[in-house]
Amino acid sequence: MSFFPGIDPEAGDKFACDAIENLIIPRSSDIGGFPVRRALPSRRRRLVGPFIFFDRMGPALLRAGEALDVKPHPHIGLSTVTYLFDGEIKHRDSLGTELVIRPGDINLMTAGRGIVHSERTPENLRGLPLSISGLQTWLALPDDKEEIDPVFSHTDVDAMPVIDSDGATGRIVIGSFAGLSSPVPSFTDTLYADLRLEAGRRFPFPAAHEERAIYVLSGELVVAGDRFSADQLLVFRPGDEITLEAGEDGCHLMLFGGAALNSKRYIWWNFVSSSKERIEQAKEEWRTGRFDIVPGDEEEFVPLPQR
């Protein structure tokens, strides 16, 4: 949901656990009654592996007569990842893709040199109360993939490898974890896993990936005696083996990270690039209508911000 305006997250207090490099407290914005918490990018941490943008959407209830309507808008230099826990979103893009994403499915839309898409409440759900909860993340593309042709990939929930081991359940969304590998394509080493732990359950978080982080979705997470509540982002030092432990009510976590990029990335609105000049070019292309249109959603668009 890249259209949501966001305030930079805040760095949290230093904790005793030496394995924690950053603790980030997302800033929450209320967009028409729809809460959005932005964890990345922040002033002190721009990326974790390829993840350059991390938004927690909801949980929220759209009342009857309300709808999610993200008008067509452009992207370059990144892959967007939409992952829902509740609700449904209809995706359309300038490649001609049109489908509904449901909880547990993965929409991976790779913009490359440029793509336009919209995200809206499906027609059959309009006029009804609709609960919605999920994550919207962006993966910055590696240097040699920033200008590839755009491509879209959808993976159903049933295709995701499942963790089910003595009080630990979850799915491997992208990459490999706990001896399992996701079928979702990736352009660089990437980790994205959905993990639930029952009360008191411990689970290893090995140092297999160069950069690693956890977003606490609900419950309480314990790491080396320190306790972390919902809607906190923990970034870990490279190379340290971590043991995750659930608090007395259990916890729901999103684990993510991967290999660090080889060069700096700039981010402006919906554009990500290793080149400031490329972002300026994309701004001019959108302002002058040179991006492709979205078939079936041609009447509206998000104008270029005046900033």
Protein backbone atom coordinates (compact mmCIF):
# COMPACT_ATOMS: atom_id res chain seq x y z
CA MET A 1 0.00 0.00 0.00
CA SER A 2 2.62 2.46 -1.10
CA PHE A 3 0.10 5.30 -1.30
CA PHE A 4 -0.10 5.66 2.49
CA PRO A 5 1.72 8.73 3.75
CA GLY A 6 4.08 7.75 6.54
CA ILE A 7 6.15 9.42 9.22
CA ASP A 8 9.63 8.11 9.82
CA PRO A 9 9.72 5.43 12.54
CA GLU A 10 11.57 6.07 15.78
CA ALA A 11 14.54 4.17 17.16
CA GLY A 12 13.77 2.50 20.48
CA ASP A 13 15.72 2.27 23.70
CA LYS A 14 18.90 0.20 23.94
CA PHE A 15 18.29 -3.27 25.37
CA ALA A 16 20.64 -5.61 27.19
CA CYS A 17 20.70 -8.16 24.39
CA ASP A 18 23.93 -7.57 22.44
CA ALA A 19 22.51 -9.41 19.43
CA ILE A 20 20.04 -6.58 18.75
CA GLU A 21 21.50 -3.90 16.49
CA ASN A 22 18.39 -1.71 16.17
CA LEU A 23 15.01 -1.55 17.88
CA ILE A 24 12.55 0.45 15.78
CA ILE A 25 9.15 1.66 16.92
CA PRO A 26 6.92 2.24 13.87
CA ARG A 27 5.00 5.47 13.63
CA SER A 28 1.29 4.93 13.13
CA SER A 29 -0.80 6.91 10.66
CA ASP A 30 -4.58 6.82 10.55
CA ILE A 31 -5.79 6.97 6.96
CA GLY A 32 -9.56 7.38 7.04
CA GLY A 33 -9.86 5.02 10.00
CA PHE A 34 -7.33 2.58 8.53
CA PRO A 35 -4.21 2.28 10.75
CA VAL A 36 -0.84 1.87 9.01
CA ARG A 37 2.46 1.40 10.86
CA ARG A 38 5.65 2.08 8.90
CA ALA A 39 8.74 0.27 10.19
CA LEU A 40 11.06 0.80 7.20
CA PRO A 41 12.63 3.00 5.99
CA SER A 42 13.62 4.90 9.11
CA ARG A 43 16.18 7.58 9.92
CA ARG A 44 18.58 5.06 11.42
CA ARG A 45 17.85 2.00 9.31
CA ARG A 46 17.05 2.15 5.61
CA LEU A 47 17.18 -1.52 4.63
CA VAL A 48 17.34 -5.05 6.06
CA GLY A 49 18.71 -7.23 3.29
CA PRO A 50 16.71 -6.19 0.21
CA PHE A 51 13.73 -4.98 2.31
CA ILE A 52 13.55 -1.20 1.88
CA PHE A 53 9.91 -0.68 2.88
CA PHE A 54 7.83 -2.43 5.55
CA ASP A 55 4.24 -1.39 6.32
CA ARG A 56 1.87 -3.08 8.75
CA MET A 57 -1.67 -2.57 7.44
CA GLY A 58 -4.50 -2.75 9.95
CA PRO A 59 -6.00 -4.72 11.53
CA ALA A 60 -9.03 -2.65 10.61
CA LEU A 61 -12.70 -2.99 9.83
CA LEU A 62 -13.99 -1.14 6.80
CA ARG A 63 -17.63 -0.35 7.46
CA ALA A 64 -20.39 -1.04 4.96
CA GLY A 65 -20.07 1.55 2.21
CA GLU A 66 -16.32 1.96 2.73
CA ALA A 67 -13.76 0.38 0.43
CA LEU A 68 -10.04 0.18 -0.19
CA ASP A 69 -9.33 2.11 -3.39
CA VAL A 70 -5.67 2.54 -4.27
CA LYS A 71 -5.76 4.24 -7.65
CA PRO A 72 -3.21 3.33 -10.35
CA HIS A 73 0.30 4.44 -9.39
CA PRO A 74 3.81 3.64 -10.69
CA HIS A 75 6.90 1.82 -9.39
CA ILE A 76 10.48 1.33 -10.59
CA GLY A 77 13.48 -0.62 -9.27
CA LEU A 78 11.70 -2.85 -6.77
CA SER A 79 9.43 -5.82 -6.15
CA THR A 80 6.28 -5.23 -4.09
CA VAL A 81 5.14 -8.08 -1.82
CA THR A 82 1.53 -8.16 -0.60
CA TYR A 83 0.75 -10.63 2.20
CA LEU A 84 -2.64 -10.67 3.93
CA PHE A 85 -3.76 -12.14 7.24
CA ASP A 86 -7.39 -11.11 6.73
CA GLY A 87 -9.50 -9.61 3.95
CA GLU A 88 -9.22 -9.53 0.16
CA ILE A 89 -7.65 -7.10 -2.33
CA LYS A 90 -8.13 -6.98 -6.09
CA HIS A 91 -4.90 -6.34 -7.98
CA ARG A 92 -4.68 -4.94 -11.51
CA ASP A 93 -1.50 -3.89 -13.29
CA SER A 94 -0.21 -2.55 -16.60
CA LEU A 95 0.83 -6.06 -17.68
CA GLY A 96 -2.88 -6.94 -17.85
CA THR A 97 -2.88 -8.93 -14.60
CA GLU A 98 -6.21 -9.00 -12.74
CA LEU A 99 -6.76 -11.20 -9.68
CA VAL A 100 -7.85 -11.21 -6.05
CA ILE A 101 -5.28 -11.84 -3.32
CA ARG A 102 -6.53 -13.68 -0.23
CA PRO A 103 -4.93 -14.45 3.16
CA GLY A 104 -1.70 -16.43 2.86
CA ASP A 105 -1.32 -15.85 -0.88
CA ILE A 106 1.68 -13.94 -2.22
CA ASN A 107 1.58 -11.24 -4.86
CA LEU A 108 5.13 -10.49 -6.01
CA MET A 109 5.10 -7.65 -8.52
CA THR A 110 8.52 -6.78 -9.93
CA ALA A 111 8.57 -3.27 -11.36
CA GLY A 112 12.02 -3.26 -12.94
CA ARG A 113 12.08 -0.41 -15.49
CA GLY A 114 8.47 0.47 -14.65
CA ILE A 115 5.00 -0.82 -13.86
CA VAL A 116 1.64 0.67 -12.82
CA HIS A 117 -0.91 -1.06 -10.59
CA SER A 118 -4.04 -0.51 -8.52
CA GLU A 119 -5.35 -2.24 -5.39
CA ARG A 120 -9.03 -2.14 -4.56
CA THR A 121 -11.76 -3.91 -2.63
CA PRO A 122 -13.26 -6.61 -4.94
CA GLU A 123 -16.62 -5.72 -6.46
CA ASN A 124 -18.46 -8.58 -4.73
CA LEU A 125 -17.42 -7.29 -1.29
CA ARG A 126 -18.32 -3.65 -1.77
CA GLY A 127 -21.18 -2.50 0.42
CA LEU A 128 -20.31 -5.08 3.09
CA PRO A 129 -18.24 -4.69 6.25
CA LEU A 130 -14.71 -5.88 5.45
CA SER A 131 -11.91 -6.66 7.87
CA ILE A 132 -8.39 -6.23 6.49
CA SER A 133 -4.98 -6.98 7.96
CA GLY A 134 -1.62 -7.63 6.35
CA LEU A 135 1.82 -6.49 5.30
CA GLN A 136 3.06 -4.51 2.33
CA THR A 137 6.81 -4.73 1.76
CA TRP A 138 9.19 -3.68 -0.99
CA LEU A 139 12.33 -5.51 -2.07
CA ALA A 140 14.97 -3.32 -3.71
CA LEU A 141 16.29 -5.03 -6.82
CA PRO A 142 20.03 -5.81 -7.15
CA ASP A 143 22.13 -3.55 -9.39
CA ASP A 144 21.91 -5.75 -12.48
CA LYS A 145 18.12 -6.22 -12.19
CA GLU A 146 16.92 -2.65 -11.60
CA GLU A 147 15.93 -2.13 -15.25
CA ILE A 148 14.59 -5.57 -16.16
CA ASP A 149 11.20 -5.94 -17.81
CA PRO A 150 8.33 -5.88 -15.31
CA VAL A 151 6.86 -9.23 -14.28
CA PHE A 152 4.10 -10.43 -11.94
CA SER A 153 4.03 -13.65 -9.90
CA HIS A 154 1.16 -14.97 -7.77
CA THR A 155 1.58 -17.96 -5.43
CA ASP A 156 -1.40 -19.53 -3.67
CA VAL A 157 -1.28 -20.23 0.06
CA ASP A 158 -1.46 -23.99 -0.54
CA ALA A 159 1.91 -23.89 -2.33
CA MET A 160 3.76 -22.43 0.69
CA PRO A 161 5.92 -24.78 2.78
CA VAL A 162 4.47 -25.16 6.28
CA ILE A 163 6.23 -25.20 9.65
CA ASP A 164 4.39 -27.44 12.14
CA SER A 165 6.59 -28.54 15.02
CA ASP A 166 5.59 -28.84 18.68
CA GLY A 167 4.08 -25.42 19.34
CA ALA A 168 5.63 -23.67 16.33
CA THR A 169 3.58 -23.13 13.16
CA GLY A 170 4.02 -20.95 10.12
CA ARG A 171 4.83 -20.57 6.43
CA ILE A 172 7.94 -19.85 4.42
CA VAL A 173 6.85 -16.96 2.23
CA ILE A 174 10.09 -16.22 0.35
CA GLY A 175 13.48 -17.95 0.55
CA SER A 176 14.57 -20.77 2.84
CA PHE A 177 14.17 -21.25 6.59
CA ALA A 178 13.91 -24.18 9.02
CA GLY A 179 14.91 -26.62 6.28
CA LEU A 180 12.08 -25.52 3.96
CA SER A 181 12.12 -23.43 0.76
CA SER A 182 9.38 -21.30 -0.80
CA PRO A 183 8.52 -21.53 -4.51
CA VAL A 184 8.19 -17.73 -4.72
CA PRO A 185 10.93 -16.37 -7.03
CA SER A 186 13.56 -13.95 -5.73
CA PHE A 187 16.43 -12.05 -7.36
CA THR A 188 18.82 -12.16 -4.40
CA ASP A 189 19.16 -14.02 -1.10
CA THR A 190 15.89 -13.22 0.69
CA LEU A 191 14.17 -14.43 3.87
CA TYR A 192 10.48 -13.85 4.59
CA ALA A 193 8.72 -16.20 7.03
CA ASP A 194 5.47 -16.10 9.02
CA LEU A 195 5.93 -17.78 12.43
CA ARG A 196 3.60 -18.35 15.40
CA LEU A 197 4.92 -19.66 18.72
CA GLU A 198 2.81 -20.98 21.58
CA ALA A 199 3.45 -19.72 25.11
CA GLY A 200 6.97 -20.55 26.32
CA ARG A 201 7.97 -22.21 23.03
CA ARG A 202 11.55 -21.63 21.88
CA PHE A 203 12.68 -21.61 18.27
CA PRO A 204 16.11 -21.07 16.71
CA PHE A 205 16.83 -18.15 14.37
CA PRO A 206 20.16 -19.15 12.81
CA ALA A 207 22.64 -16.73 11.26
CA ALA A 208 22.25 -18.18 7.76
CA HIS A 209 21.32 -14.80 6.27
CA GLU A 210 23.57 -11.75 6.27
CA GLU A 211 20.94 -9.37 7.65
CA ARG A 212 17.94 -10.42 9.75
CA ALA A 213 15.01 -8.75 11.49
CA ILE A 214 11.73 -9.61 13.20
CA TYR A 215 8.49 -7.66 13.28
CA VAL A 216 6.34 -8.62 16.29
CA LEU A 217 2.78 -8.80 14.99
CA SER A 218 1.12 -9.83 18.26
CA GLY A 219 1.93 -11.23 21.68
CA GLU A 220 5.31 -10.93 23.37
CA LEU A 221 8.72 -12.08 22.14
CA VAL A 222 11.59 -12.83 24.53
CA VAL A 223 15.20 -12.62 23.30
CA ALA A 224 18.02 -13.23 25.80
CA GLY A 225 15.75 -12.13 28.66
CA ASP A 226 14.53 -8.92 27.02
CA ARG A 227 10.83 -8.69 26.22
CA PHE A 228 9.36 -7.10 23.12
CA SER A 229 5.69 -6.37 22.53
CA ALA A 230 3.60 -6.08 19.39
CA ASP A 231 4.49 -3.60 16.65
CA GLN A 232 8.20 -3.46 17.37
CA LEU A 233 10.91 -4.18 14.79
CA LEU A 234 14.11 -5.90 15.96
CA VAL A 235 17.18 -5.86 13.71
CA PHE A 236 19.87 -8.38 14.70
CA ARG A 237 23.63 -8.22 14.36
CA PRO A 238 25.08 -10.38 11.59
CA GLY A 239 26.51 -13.73 12.60
CA ASP A 240 24.78 -14.19 15.96
CA GLU A 241 22.69 -17.30 16.59
CA ILE A 242 19.38 -16.24 18.14
CA THR A 243 16.86 -18.18 20.22
CA LEU A 244 13.31 -16.86 20.01
CA GLU A 245 10.98 -17.47 22.94
CA ALA A 246 7.27 -16.71 23.17
CA GLY A 247 5.82 -14.90 26.17
CA GLU A 248 2.96 -16.21 28.26
CA ASP A 249 0.34 -15.49 25.57
CA GLY A 250 2.43 -16.74 22.66
CA CYS A 251 3.50 -14.54 19.76
CA HIS A 252 3.08 -14.02 16.04
CA LEU A 253 6.22 -12.92 14.18
CA MET A 254 7.37 -11.98 10.71
CA LEU A 255 11.01 -12.91 10.10
CA PHE A 256 12.75 -11.19 7.21
CA GLY A 257 16.09 -10.17 5.74
CA GLY A 258 18.69 -11.49 3.33
CA ALA A 259 21.86 -10.36 1.59
CA ALA A 260 22.82 -6.70 1.78
CA LEU A 261 22.79 -4.81 -1.53
CA ASN A 262 26.07 -3.87 -3.18
CA SER A 263 25.26 -0.17 -3.52
CA LYS A 264 23.19 2.58 -1.94
CA ARG A 265 19.48 2.87 -2.75
CA TYR A 266 17.45 6.06 -3.01
CA ILE A 267 13.72 6.07 -2.38
CA TRP A 268 11.25 8.77 -3.42
CA TRP A 269 7.50 8.15 -3.32
CA ASN A 270 7.03 4.81 -5.14
CA PHE A 271 10.41 4.84 -6.86
CA VAL A 272 13.57 3.01 -5.74
CA SER A 273 16.90 3.24 -7.57
CA SER A 274 20.67 3.31 -7.14
CA SER A 275 20.58 6.51 -9.24
CA LYS A 276 19.04 9.86 -8.28
CA GLU A 277 18.91 10.71 -11.98
CA ARG A 278 16.83 7.61 -12.71
CA ILE A 279 14.31 8.67 -10.08
CA GLU A 280 14.08 12.13 -11.63
CA GLN A 281 13.46 10.48 -15.00
CA ALA A 282 10.66 8.32 -13.53
CA LYS A 283 9.05 11.40 -11.96
CA GLU A 284 8.99 13.16 -15.32
CA GLU A 285 7.66 10.06 -17.09
CA TRP A 286 4.75 9.76 -14.65
CA ARG A 287 4.04 13.49 -14.73
CA THR A 288 3.85 13.46 -18.53
CA GLY A 289 1.85 10.22 -18.85
CA ARG A 290 4.56 8.00 -20.35
CA PHE A 291 3.98 4.99 -18.10
CA ASP A 292 1.67 2.22 -19.34
CA ILE A 293 -2.01 2.23 -18.32
CA VAL A 294 -3.80 -0.39 -16.21
CA PRO A 295 -6.39 -2.22 -18.38
CA GLY A 296 -9.80 -2.06 -16.70
CA ASP A 297 -8.71 0.79 -14.40
CA GLU A 298 -7.87 3.60 -16.83
CA GLU A 299 -10.07 6.42 -15.48
CA GLU A 300 -8.17 7.33 -12.29
CA PHE A 301 -4.57 7.68 -11.16
CA VAL A 302 -2.49 9.02 -8.26
CA PRO A 303 -0.83 12.29 -9.33
CA LEU A 304 2.86 12.91 -8.76
CA PRO A 305 3.32 14.41 -5.26
CA GLN A 306 4.38 18.04 -5.21
CA ARG A 307 7.35 17.63 -2.91
